[in-house]
Amino acid sequence: GLAAQSIVAFNADLIRAVAAQSGTVQVATINYHNFKEFGNRGGNHTIGDAYIRALANRLHQIAEEMALDPNEFRIYHRSGKSFKLLYTGSKKNAVHQVLATLHSQQSREAIYNEVRNQFGTTLVGPPGIANQINFYSGHATCQPGLDNGMPIDIAKELNDASVSAAKFAQLRWFENPDEGILPPLEYT
């Protein structure tokens, strides 16, 4: 599968992007929701690892479909079931569009099918499992020149805002689980 960069690379790239002040910086945090429900069926962590790779692959696929420049849109594996996105290009709502596409039924089925094709239905479960694949995500945007603070401080605030938006999305789901897939939240 396609590789996602590490969280160490994310931190360095984010600080550089903020310091450059050459354009808008968009950051997102993505987490699988209720991952153990589908990712570790029967205690099989190999399937969980496959779901993590499938998410990275789907993010790359969405970026390609949107014609996002890989030098401007980067994917990072934060840890476990969590990813970060960094976008420094000129498309105003690029990260929001990536997240909206990721939250679609089409994406859930693509991720499920990738894992099912690798392990078979017996280990992965029937197609209805795709409906259990959900995410909570949030993103934040920083405009150049809006803050005269130190790049490391601005980068930390931007990262923290994307994490807070993702956590808030998770809390909204717990309040209304019948709503199904919740759209990503945004801080600007």
N, C-alpha and C. Protein backbone atom coordinates (compact mmCIF):
# COMPACT_ATOMS: atom_id res chain seq x y z
N GLY A 1 0.81 -1.19 0.00
CA GLY A 1 0.00 0.00 0.00
C GLY A 1 0.85 1.25 0.00
N LEU A 2 0.19 2.36 -0.09
CA LEU A 2 0.87 3.65 -0.09
C LEU A 2 1.27 4.01 1.33
N ALA A 3 2.42 4.59 1.46
CA ALA A 3 2.93 4.93 2.79
C ALA A 3 2.40 6.28 3.25
N ALA A 4 2.16 6.38 4.53
CA ALA A 4 1.85 7.65 5.16
C ALA A 4 3.07 8.03 5.97
N GLN A 5 3.39 9.30 5.99
CA GLN A 5 4.56 9.75 6.73
C GLN A 5 4.28 9.70 8.23
N SER A 6 5.34 9.85 9.02
CA SER A 6 5.22 9.76 10.47
C SER A 6 4.76 11.09 11.07
N ILE A 7 4.34 11.02 12.33
CA ILE A 7 3.90 12.22 13.03
C ILE A 7 5.07 13.18 13.27
N VAL A 8 6.28 12.65 13.37
CA VAL A 8 7.46 13.51 13.52
C VAL A 8 7.61 14.38 12.27
N ALA A 9 7.44 13.76 11.09
CA ALA A 9 7.50 14.52 9.83
C ALA A 9 6.38 15.55 9.78
N PHE A 10 5.19 15.18 10.27
CA PHE A 10 4.06 16.13 10.29
C PHE A 10 4.42 17.37 11.08
N ASN A 11 4.95 17.20 12.28
CA ASN A 11 5.29 18.35 13.13
C ASN A 11 6.28 19.27 12.44
N ALA A 12 7.32 18.69 11.85
CA ALA A 12 8.34 19.49 11.15
C ALA A 12 7.74 20.20 9.94
N ASP A 13 6.94 19.49 9.15
CA ASP A 13 6.33 20.08 7.96
C ASP A 13 5.35 21.18 8.33
N LEU A 14 4.59 20.99 9.40
CA LEU A 14 3.62 22.00 9.83
C LEU A 14 4.34 23.28 10.25
N ILE A 15 5.38 23.16 11.03
CA ILE A 15 6.14 24.34 11.47
C ILE A 15 6.72 25.07 10.27
N ARG A 16 7.30 24.31 9.31
CA ARG A 16 7.85 24.93 8.10
C ARG A 16 6.76 25.65 7.30
N ALA A 17 5.59 25.02 7.17
CA ALA A 17 4.50 25.63 6.40
C ALA A 17 4.02 26.92 7.03
N VAL A 18 3.88 26.93 8.36
CA VAL A 18 3.44 28.13 9.06
C VAL A 18 4.51 29.22 8.96
N ALA A 19 5.77 28.84 9.11
CA ALA A 19 6.87 29.81 9.05
C ALA A 19 6.98 30.45 7.67
N ALA A 20 6.68 29.70 6.62
CA ALA A 20 6.80 30.21 5.26
C ALA A 20 5.79 31.33 4.99
N GLN A 21 4.64 31.29 5.64
CA GLN A 21 3.57 32.27 5.47
C GLN A 21 3.31 32.58 3.99
N SER A 22 3.38 31.55 3.17
CA SER A 22 3.18 31.76 1.74
C SER A 22 1.74 31.49 1.30
N GLY A 23 0.92 31.01 2.19
CA GLY A 23 -0.47 30.73 1.84
C GLY A 23 -1.20 30.10 3.01
N THR A 24 -2.42 29.72 2.74
CA THR A 24 -3.25 29.09 3.76
C THR A 24 -2.70 27.73 4.13
N VAL A 25 -2.76 27.40 5.40
CA VAL A 25 -2.34 26.09 5.90
C VAL A 25 -3.59 25.43 6.49
N GLN A 26 -3.90 24.23 6.01
CA GLN A 26 -5.05 23.47 6.50
C GLN A 26 -4.55 22.18 7.13
N VAL A 27 -5.07 21.87 8.32
CA VAL A 27 -4.67 20.69 9.06
C VAL A 27 -5.93 19.91 9.44
N ALA A 28 -5.84 18.58 9.38
CA ALA A 28 -6.98 17.75 9.80
C ALA A 28 -6.50 16.61 10.68
N THR A 29 -7.38 16.19 11.57
CA THR A 29 -7.19 15.01 12.39
C THR A 29 -8.32 14.04 12.07
N ILE A 30 -7.96 12.78 11.82
CA ILE A 30 -8.95 11.75 11.49
C ILE A 30 -8.72 10.56 12.40
N ASN A 31 -9.79 10.06 12.99
CA ASN A 31 -9.73 8.85 13.81
C ASN A 31 -10.85 7.92 13.40
N TYR A 32 -10.54 6.63 13.36
CA TYR A 32 -11.61 5.65 13.20
C TYR A 32 -12.49 5.71 14.44
N HIS A 33 -13.77 5.55 14.26
CA HIS A 33 -14.72 5.53 15.37
C HIS A 33 -15.11 4.08 15.64
N ASN A 34 -15.12 3.67 16.90
CA ASN A 34 -15.45 2.29 17.30
C ASN A 34 -14.64 1.26 16.51
N PHE A 35 -13.36 1.52 16.40
CA PHE A 35 -12.46 0.71 15.57
C PHE A 35 -12.50 -0.78 15.91
N LYS A 36 -12.56 -1.10 17.19
CA LYS A 36 -12.52 -2.52 17.59
C LYS A 36 -13.74 -3.29 17.11
N GLU A 37 -14.84 -2.58 16.84
CA GLU A 37 -16.05 -3.25 16.36
C GLU A 37 -15.82 -3.97 15.04
N PHE A 38 -14.98 -3.42 14.19
CA PHE A 38 -14.74 -4.02 12.88
C PHE A 38 -13.26 -4.30 12.62
N GLY A 39 -12.37 -3.57 13.27
CA GLY A 39 -10.95 -3.68 12.98
C GLY A 39 -10.24 -4.84 13.64
N ASN A 40 -10.78 -5.35 14.71
CA ASN A 40 -10.10 -6.45 15.42
C ASN A 40 -11.06 -7.60 15.66
N ARG A 41 -11.78 -7.96 14.61
CA ARG A 41 -12.73 -9.07 14.71
C ARG A 41 -12.00 -10.33 15.15
N GLY A 42 -12.49 -10.94 16.19
CA GLY A 42 -11.89 -12.17 16.69
C GLY A 42 -10.49 -11.96 17.25
N GLY A 43 -10.17 -10.73 17.62
CA GLY A 43 -8.85 -10.45 18.19
C GLY A 43 -7.73 -10.45 17.16
N ASN A 44 -8.08 -10.37 15.89
CA ASN A 44 -7.07 -10.44 14.84
C ASN A 44 -6.54 -9.04 14.52
N HIS A 45 -5.38 -8.71 15.06
CA HIS A 45 -4.80 -7.39 14.85
C HIS A 45 -4.28 -7.21 13.43
N THR A 46 -4.05 -8.29 12.72
CA THR A 46 -3.63 -8.19 11.33
C THR A 46 -4.72 -7.52 10.50
N ILE A 47 -5.97 -7.82 10.80
CA ILE A 47 -7.08 -7.18 10.09
C ILE A 47 -7.14 -5.70 10.46
N GLY A 48 -6.93 -5.37 11.71
CA GLY A 48 -6.90 -3.97 12.13
C GLY A 48 -5.81 -3.20 11.41
N ASP A 49 -4.63 -3.82 11.28
CA ASP A 49 -3.54 -3.17 10.54
C ASP A 49 -3.93 -2.95 9.09
N ALA A 50 -4.65 -3.91 8.50
CA ALA A 50 -5.09 -3.77 7.11
C ALA A 50 -6.08 -2.62 6.98
N TYR A 51 -6.96 -2.43 7.97
CA TYR A 51 -7.89 -1.31 7.92
C TYR A 51 -7.15 0.02 8.02
N ILE A 52 -6.08 0.07 8.79
CA ILE A 52 -5.29 1.30 8.89
C ILE A 52 -4.62 1.60 7.55
N ARG A 53 -4.04 0.58 6.91
CA ARG A 53 -3.44 0.77 5.58
C ARG A 53 -4.50 1.16 4.56
N ALA A 54 -5.69 0.55 4.66
CA ALA A 54 -6.77 0.86 3.71
C ALA A 54 -7.22 2.31 3.85
N LEU A 55 -7.23 2.84 5.06
CA LEU A 55 -7.58 4.24 5.26
C LEU A 55 -6.54 5.14 4.60
N ALA A 56 -5.26 4.85 4.80
CA ALA A 56 -4.20 5.64 4.15
C ALA A 56 -4.34 5.56 2.63
N ASN A 57 -4.60 4.37 2.12
CA ASN A 57 -4.77 4.21 0.67
C ASN A 57 -5.97 5.01 0.17
N ARG A 58 -7.07 4.99 0.92
CA ARG A 58 -8.26 5.73 0.49
C ARG A 58 -8.00 7.23 0.50
N LEU A 59 -7.27 7.72 1.49
CA LEU A 59 -6.93 9.14 1.53
C LEU A 59 -6.09 9.53 0.31
N HIS A 60 -5.12 8.68 -0.04
CA HIS A 60 -4.30 8.94 -1.23
C HIS A 60 -5.18 8.94 -2.48
N GLN A 61 -6.10 7.99 -2.55
CA GLN A 61 -7.00 7.88 -3.70
C GLN A 61 -7.88 9.13 -3.83
N ILE A 62 -8.42 9.60 -2.74
CA ILE A 62 -9.26 10.80 -2.76
C ILE A 62 -8.43 12.00 -3.23
N ALA A 63 -7.21 12.12 -2.72
CA ALA A 63 -6.34 13.23 -3.13
C ALA A 63 -6.05 13.18 -4.63
N GLU A 64 -5.83 11.97 -5.14
CA GLU A 64 -5.60 11.83 -6.58
C GLU A 64 -6.84 12.20 -7.37
N GLU A 65 -8.01 11.75 -6.92
CA GLU A 65 -9.28 12.08 -7.61
C GLU A 65 -9.52 13.59 -7.62
N MET A 66 -9.09 14.28 -6.58
CA MET A 66 -9.26 15.72 -6.49
C MET A 66 -8.11 16.48 -7.16
N ALA A 67 -7.15 15.74 -7.70
CA ALA A 67 -5.97 16.32 -8.36
C ALA A 67 -5.19 17.24 -7.42
N LEU A 68 -5.05 16.82 -6.16
CA LEU A 68 -4.25 17.58 -5.20
C LEU A 68 -2.78 17.25 -5.40
N ASP A 69 -1.97 18.26 -5.45
CA ASP A 69 -0.52 18.10 -5.63
C ASP A 69 0.07 17.42 -4.39
N PRO A 70 0.79 16.28 -4.56
CA PRO A 70 1.36 15.60 -3.40
C PRO A 70 2.40 16.42 -2.64
N ASN A 71 2.91 17.48 -3.26
CA ASN A 71 3.82 18.37 -2.54
C ASN A 71 3.06 19.34 -1.64
N GLU A 72 1.75 19.48 -1.90
CA GLU A 72 0.92 20.39 -1.11
C GLU A 72 -0.02 19.65 -0.16
N PHE A 73 -0.33 18.39 -0.46
CA PHE A 73 -1.24 17.61 0.36
C PHE A 73 -0.51 16.37 0.84
N ARG A 74 -0.34 16.27 2.16
CA ARG A 74 0.41 15.15 2.72
C ARG A 74 -0.40 14.44 3.81
N ILE A 75 -0.18 13.14 3.89
CA ILE A 75 -0.89 12.28 4.83
C ILE A 75 0.13 11.72 5.82
N TYR A 76 -0.23 11.75 7.10
CA TYR A 76 0.67 11.29 8.15
C TYR A 76 -0.08 10.31 9.05
N HIS A 77 0.58 9.21 9.39
CA HIS A 77 0.00 8.27 10.35
C HIS A 77 0.39 8.77 11.73
N ARG A 78 -0.59 9.22 12.48
CA ARG A 78 -0.35 9.79 13.80
C ARG A 78 0.01 8.69 14.79
N SER A 79 -0.85 7.71 14.90
CA SER A 79 -0.62 6.54 15.74
C SER A 79 -1.87 5.68 15.66
N GLY A 80 -1.73 4.40 15.87
CA GLY A 80 -2.88 3.50 15.92
C GLY A 80 -3.88 3.75 14.82
N LYS A 81 -5.05 4.20 15.19
CA LYS A 81 -6.17 4.40 14.26
C LYS A 81 -6.33 5.86 13.85
N SER A 82 -5.28 6.65 13.97
CA SER A 82 -5.37 8.09 13.79
C SER A 82 -4.41 8.60 12.71
N PHE A 83 -4.91 9.57 11.92
CA PHE A 83 -4.11 10.18 10.87
C PHE A 83 -4.19 11.69 10.95
N LYS A 84 -3.21 12.36 10.36
CA LYS A 84 -3.19 13.81 10.21
C LYS A 84 -3.05 14.13 8.73
N LEU A 85 -3.64 15.24 8.31
CA LEU A 85 -3.50 15.74 6.96
C LEU A 85 -2.94 17.15 7.03
N LEU A 86 -2.11 17.50 6.05
CA LEU A 86 -1.57 18.85 5.94
C LEU A 86 -1.70 19.29 4.50
N TYR A 87 -2.33 20.44 4.29
CA TYR A 87 -2.50 20.97 2.94
C TYR A 87 -2.03 22.42 2.91
N THR A 88 -1.16 22.72 1.95
CA THR A 88 -0.61 24.07 1.81
C THR A 88 -0.89 24.67 0.44
N GLY A 89 -1.81 24.08 -0.29
CA GLY A 89 -2.13 24.56 -1.64
C GLY A 89 -3.16 25.67 -1.63
N SER A 90 -3.59 26.04 -2.82
CA SER A 90 -4.47 27.19 -2.98
C SER A 90 -5.96 26.86 -3.02
N LYS A 91 -6.32 25.58 -3.05
CA LYS A 91 -7.75 25.22 -3.07
C LYS A 91 -8.34 25.47 -1.68
N LYS A 92 -9.24 26.42 -1.61
CA LYS A 92 -9.73 26.94 -0.32
C LYS A 92 -10.29 25.86 0.60
N ASN A 93 -11.12 24.97 0.09
CA ASN A 93 -11.78 23.99 0.94
C ASN A 93 -11.28 22.57 0.70
N ALA A 94 -10.03 22.42 0.30
CA ALA A 94 -9.51 21.11 -0.08
C ALA A 94 -9.65 20.08 1.03
N VAL A 95 -9.22 20.41 2.23
CA VAL A 95 -9.26 19.44 3.32
C VAL A 95 -10.70 19.10 3.68
N HIS A 96 -11.57 20.09 3.70
CA HIS A 96 -12.98 19.82 3.98
C HIS A 96 -13.56 18.86 2.94
N GLN A 97 -13.22 19.05 1.68
CA GLN A 97 -13.70 18.17 0.62
C GLN A 97 -13.15 16.76 0.76
N VAL A 98 -11.87 16.63 1.13
CA VAL A 98 -11.29 15.30 1.36
C VAL A 98 -12.05 14.60 2.48
N LEU A 99 -12.28 15.31 3.58
CA LEU A 99 -12.97 14.71 4.71
C LEU A 99 -14.41 14.36 4.38
N ALA A 100 -15.09 15.22 3.66
CA ALA A 100 -16.48 14.93 3.28
C ALA A 100 -16.53 13.67 2.41
N THR A 101 -15.59 13.52 1.51
CA THR A 101 -15.54 12.32 0.67
C THR A 101 -15.21 11.10 1.51
N LEU A 102 -14.28 11.25 2.45
CA LEU A 102 -13.92 10.13 3.32
C LEU A 102 -15.12 9.65 4.12
N HIS A 103 -15.98 10.56 4.54
CA HIS A 103 -17.15 10.21 5.36
C HIS A 103 -18.28 9.57 4.54
N SER A 104 -18.09 9.42 3.25
CA SER A 104 -19.16 8.90 2.39
C SER A 104 -19.27 7.37 2.47
N GLN A 105 -20.44 6.88 2.10
CA GLN A 105 -20.66 5.43 2.02
C GLN A 105 -19.69 4.80 1.02
N GLN A 106 -19.42 5.49 -0.08
CA GLN A 106 -18.50 4.98 -1.09
C GLN A 106 -17.12 4.71 -0.47
N SER A 107 -16.64 5.61 0.36
CA SER A 107 -15.34 5.42 1.00
C SER A 107 -15.36 4.28 2.00
N ARG A 108 -16.44 4.20 2.77
CA ARG A 108 -16.55 3.10 3.74
C ARG A 108 -16.50 1.76 3.01
N GLU A 109 -17.22 1.65 1.90
CA GLU A 109 -17.22 0.41 1.13
C GLU A 109 -15.87 0.14 0.48
N ALA A 110 -15.20 1.17 0.01
CA ALA A 110 -13.87 0.99 -0.60
C ALA A 110 -12.88 0.45 0.43
N ILE A 111 -12.92 0.99 1.64
CA ILE A 111 -12.02 0.54 2.70
C ILE A 111 -12.35 -0.91 3.07
N TYR A 112 -13.63 -1.19 3.29
CA TYR A 112 -14.04 -2.57 3.61
C TYR A 112 -13.61 -3.53 2.50
N ASN A 113 -13.87 -3.18 1.24
CA ASN A 113 -13.56 -4.07 0.12
C ASN A 113 -12.07 -4.34 0.00
N GLU A 114 -11.25 -3.33 0.26
CA GLU A 114 -9.80 -3.54 0.21
C GLU A 114 -9.38 -4.60 1.23
N VAL A 115 -9.91 -4.50 2.43
CA VAL A 115 -9.56 -5.46 3.49
C VAL A 115 -10.18 -6.83 3.19
N ARG A 116 -11.43 -6.85 2.74
CA ARG A 116 -12.08 -8.11 2.41
C ARG A 116 -11.35 -8.84 1.28
N ASN A 117 -10.88 -8.09 0.28
CA ASN A 117 -10.15 -8.71 -0.83
C ASN A 117 -8.84 -9.33 -0.37
N GLN A 118 -8.30 -8.81 0.70
CA GLN A 118 -7.05 -9.34 1.25
C GLN A 118 -7.28 -10.56 2.13
N PHE A 119 -8.36 -10.55 2.93
CA PHE A 119 -8.55 -11.59 3.94
C PHE A 119 -9.78 -12.48 3.72
N GLY A 120 -10.70 -12.05 2.88
CA GLY A 120 -11.92 -12.83 2.66
C GLY A 120 -13.01 -12.48 3.65
N THR A 121 -14.23 -12.81 3.29
CA THR A 121 -15.40 -12.47 4.10
C THR A 121 -15.43 -13.21 5.43
N THR A 122 -14.87 -14.41 5.49
CA THR A 122 -14.91 -15.19 6.72
C THR A 122 -14.22 -14.44 7.86
N LEU A 123 -13.05 -13.87 7.61
CA LEU A 123 -12.33 -13.15 8.66
C LEU A 123 -12.82 -11.71 8.83
N VAL A 124 -13.18 -11.07 7.75
CA VAL A 124 -13.51 -9.65 7.79
C VAL A 124 -14.97 -9.41 8.14
N GLY A 125 -15.84 -10.33 7.76
CA GLY A 125 -17.26 -10.18 8.04
C GLY A 125 -18.02 -9.83 6.77
N PRO A 126 -19.35 -9.91 6.83
CA PRO A 126 -20.18 -9.65 5.65
C PRO A 126 -20.14 -8.18 5.24
N PRO A 127 -20.62 -7.86 4.04
CA PRO A 127 -20.59 -6.48 3.56
C PRO A 127 -21.21 -5.46 4.50
N GLY A 128 -22.16 -5.86 5.33
CA GLY A 128 -22.76 -4.94 6.28
C GLY A 128 -21.76 -4.32 7.25
N ILE A 129 -20.62 -4.95 7.40
CA ILE A 129 -19.55 -4.41 8.27
C ILE A 129 -19.13 -3.03 7.78
N ALA A 130 -19.21 -2.79 6.47
CA ALA A 130 -18.83 -1.47 5.93
C ALA A 130 -19.62 -0.36 6.60
N ASN A 131 -20.85 -0.64 7.01
CA ASN A 131 -21.67 0.38 7.67
C ASN A 131 -21.17 0.72 9.07
N GLN A 132 -20.32 -0.13 9.63
CA GLN A 132 -19.74 0.15 10.95
C GLN A 132 -18.49 1.02 10.86
N ILE A 133 -17.98 1.19 9.65
CA ILE A 133 -16.76 1.99 9.47
C ILE A 133 -17.16 3.46 9.49
N ASN A 134 -16.76 4.14 10.54
CA ASN A 134 -17.05 5.56 10.70
C ASN A 134 -15.80 6.26 11.20
N PHE A 135 -15.78 7.56 11.05
CA PHE A 135 -14.66 8.37 11.47
C PHE A 135 -15.18 9.56 12.25
N TYR A 136 -14.35 10.09 13.10
CA TYR A 136 -14.60 11.43 13.60
C TYR A 136 -13.38 12.23 13.19
N SER A 137 -13.65 13.40 12.67
CA SER A 137 -12.56 14.20 12.14
C SER A 137 -12.85 15.67 12.35
N GLY A 138 -11.80 16.44 12.31
CA GLY A 138 -11.92 17.89 12.42
C GLY A 138 -10.76 18.53 11.71
N HIS A 139 -10.96 19.76 11.30
CA HIS A 139 -9.84 20.44 10.67
C HIS A 139 -9.82 21.91 11.04
N ALA A 140 -8.66 22.51 10.83
CA ALA A 140 -8.43 23.90 11.19
C ALA A 140 -7.64 24.55 10.07
N THR A 141 -7.84 25.86 9.92
CA THR A 141 -7.20 26.61 8.85
C THR A 141 -6.51 27.84 9.44
N CYS A 142 -5.35 28.15 8.88
CA CYS A 142 -4.60 29.33 9.30
C CYS A 142 -4.27 30.15 8.05
N GLN A 143 -4.63 31.41 8.08
CA GLN A 143 -4.32 32.32 6.98
C GLN A 143 -2.98 32.98 7.24
N PRO A 144 -2.17 33.22 6.22
CA PRO A 144 -0.88 33.89 6.43
C PRO A 144 -1.08 35.32 6.91
N GLY A 145 -0.18 35.75 7.78
CA GLY A 145 -0.17 37.13 8.22
C GLY A 145 -1.22 37.51 9.25
N LEU A 146 -2.04 36.55 9.69
CA LEU A 146 -3.06 36.89 10.67
C LEU A 146 -2.52 36.91 12.10
N ASP A 147 -1.35 36.35 12.29
CA ASP A 147 -0.79 36.26 13.63
C ASP A 147 0.71 36.51 13.52
N ASN A 148 1.23 37.34 14.37
CA ASN A 148 2.67 37.62 14.35
C ASN A 148 3.42 36.77 15.36
N GLY A 149 2.80 35.71 15.84
CA GLY A 149 3.45 34.85 16.83
C GLY A 149 4.55 34.01 16.23
N MET A 150 5.19 33.26 17.07
CA MET A 150 6.25 32.35 16.64
C MET A 150 5.64 31.19 15.85
N PRO A 151 6.28 30.76 14.76
CA PRO A 151 5.73 29.67 13.95
C PRO A 151 5.41 28.41 14.76
N ILE A 152 6.26 28.07 15.72
CA ILE A 152 6.00 26.85 16.50
C ILE A 152 4.73 26.99 17.33
N ASP A 153 4.46 28.19 17.85
CA ASP A 153 3.25 28.42 18.64
C ASP A 153 2.00 28.39 17.76
N ILE A 154 2.09 29.00 16.58
CA ILE A 154 0.97 29.00 15.65
C ILE A 154 0.69 27.58 15.18
N ALA A 155 1.75 26.84 14.88
CA ALA A 155 1.59 25.44 14.43
C ALA A 155 0.92 24.61 15.52
N LYS A 156 1.33 24.82 16.78
CA LYS A 156 0.72 24.08 17.88
C LYS A 156 -0.77 24.42 18.01
N GLU A 157 -1.11 25.70 17.91
CA GLU A 157 -2.51 26.10 17.99
C GLU A 157 -3.33 25.49 16.86
N LEU A 158 -2.78 25.48 15.66
CA LEU A 158 -3.48 24.92 14.51
C LEU A 158 -3.71 23.43 14.69
N ASN A 159 -2.68 22.73 15.13
CA ASN A 159 -2.79 21.29 15.38
C ASN A 159 -3.81 21.02 16.49
N ASP A 160 -3.71 21.76 17.58
CA ASP A 160 -4.64 21.57 18.70
C ASP A 160 -6.08 21.83 18.27
N ALA A 161 -6.30 22.84 17.41
CA ALA A 161 -7.65 23.14 16.95
C ALA A 161 -8.22 21.99 16.13
N SER A 162 -7.38 21.35 15.30
CA SER A 162 -7.90 20.22 14.50
C SER A 162 -8.23 19.03 15.40
N VAL A 163 -7.43 18.80 16.43
CA VAL A 163 -7.71 17.72 17.38
C VAL A 163 -8.99 18.03 18.16
N SER A 164 -9.13 19.27 18.60
CA SER A 164 -10.34 19.66 19.34
C SER A 164 -11.59 19.50 18.48
N ALA A 165 -11.50 19.89 17.21
CA ALA A 165 -12.66 19.74 16.32
C ALA A 165 -13.02 18.26 16.15
N ALA A 166 -12.00 17.40 16.04
CA ALA A 166 -12.27 15.96 15.91
C ALA A 166 -12.90 15.42 17.19
N LYS A 167 -12.39 15.82 18.34
CA LYS A 167 -12.97 15.36 19.62
C LYS A 167 -14.40 15.86 19.78
N PHE A 168 -14.64 17.10 19.37
CA PHE A 168 -16.00 17.63 19.45
C PHE A 168 -16.94 16.83 18.55
N ALA A 169 -16.46 16.45 17.36
CA ALA A 169 -17.27 15.62 16.46
C ALA A 169 -17.59 14.29 17.12
N GLN A 170 -16.63 13.72 17.83
CA GLN A 170 -16.86 12.46 18.53
C GLN A 170 -17.92 12.65 19.62
N LEU A 171 -17.84 13.72 20.35
CA LEU A 171 -18.83 13.98 21.40
C LEU A 171 -20.22 14.18 20.82
N ARG A 172 -20.30 14.86 19.67
CA ARG A 172 -21.60 15.03 19.01
C ARG A 172 -22.19 13.68 18.65
N TRP A 173 -21.37 12.74 18.20
CA TRP A 173 -21.87 11.41 17.85
C TRP A 173 -22.43 10.72 19.09
N PHE A 174 -21.72 10.83 20.22
CA PHE A 174 -22.20 10.18 21.44
C PHE A 174 -23.53 10.76 21.90
N GLU A 175 -23.77 12.04 21.63
CA GLU A 175 -25.04 12.66 21.99
C GLU A 175 -26.18 12.20 21.08
N ASN A 176 -25.87 11.93 19.80
CA ASN A 176 -26.88 11.56 18.81
C ASN A 176 -26.39 10.44 17.92
N PRO A 177 -26.21 9.24 18.43
CA PRO A 177 -25.67 8.15 17.61
C PRO A 177 -26.60 7.77 16.45
N ASP A 178 -27.87 8.13 16.52
CA ASP A 178 -28.80 7.79 15.44
C ASP A 178 -28.59 8.66 14.20
N GLU A 179 -27.81 9.74 14.33
CA GLU A 179 -27.55 10.60 13.18
C GLU A 179 -26.65 9.90 12.15
N GLY A 180 -25.99 8.84 12.56
CA GLY A 180 -25.11 8.13 11.63
C GLY A 180 -23.81 8.88 11.43
N ILE A 181 -23.41 9.02 10.18
CA ILE A 181 -22.14 9.67 9.87
C ILE A 181 -22.28 11.17 10.10
N LEU A 182 -21.39 11.72 10.89
CA LEU A 182 -21.38 13.15 11.11
C LEU A 182 -20.36 13.80 10.19
N PRO A 183 -20.67 14.96 9.66
CA PRO A 183 -19.70 15.64 8.80
C PRO A 183 -18.51 16.13 9.64
N PRO A 184 -17.38 16.36 8.99
CA PRO A 184 -16.22 16.87 9.71
C PRO A 184 -16.50 18.28 10.25
N LEU A 185 -15.86 18.62 11.33
CA LEU A 185 -15.99 19.96 11.91
C LEU A 185 -14.78 20.79 11.55
N GLU A 186 -14.97 22.09 11.54
CA GLU A 186 -13.90 22.99 11.10
C GLU A 186 -13.72 24.12 12.09
N TYR A 187 -12.48 24.45 12.38
CA TYR A 187 -12.12 25.65 13.11
C TYR A 187 -11.32 26.51 12.15
N THR A 188 -11.58 27.79 12.14
CA THR A 188 -10.80 28.71 11.30
C THR A 188 -10.22 29.79 12.18
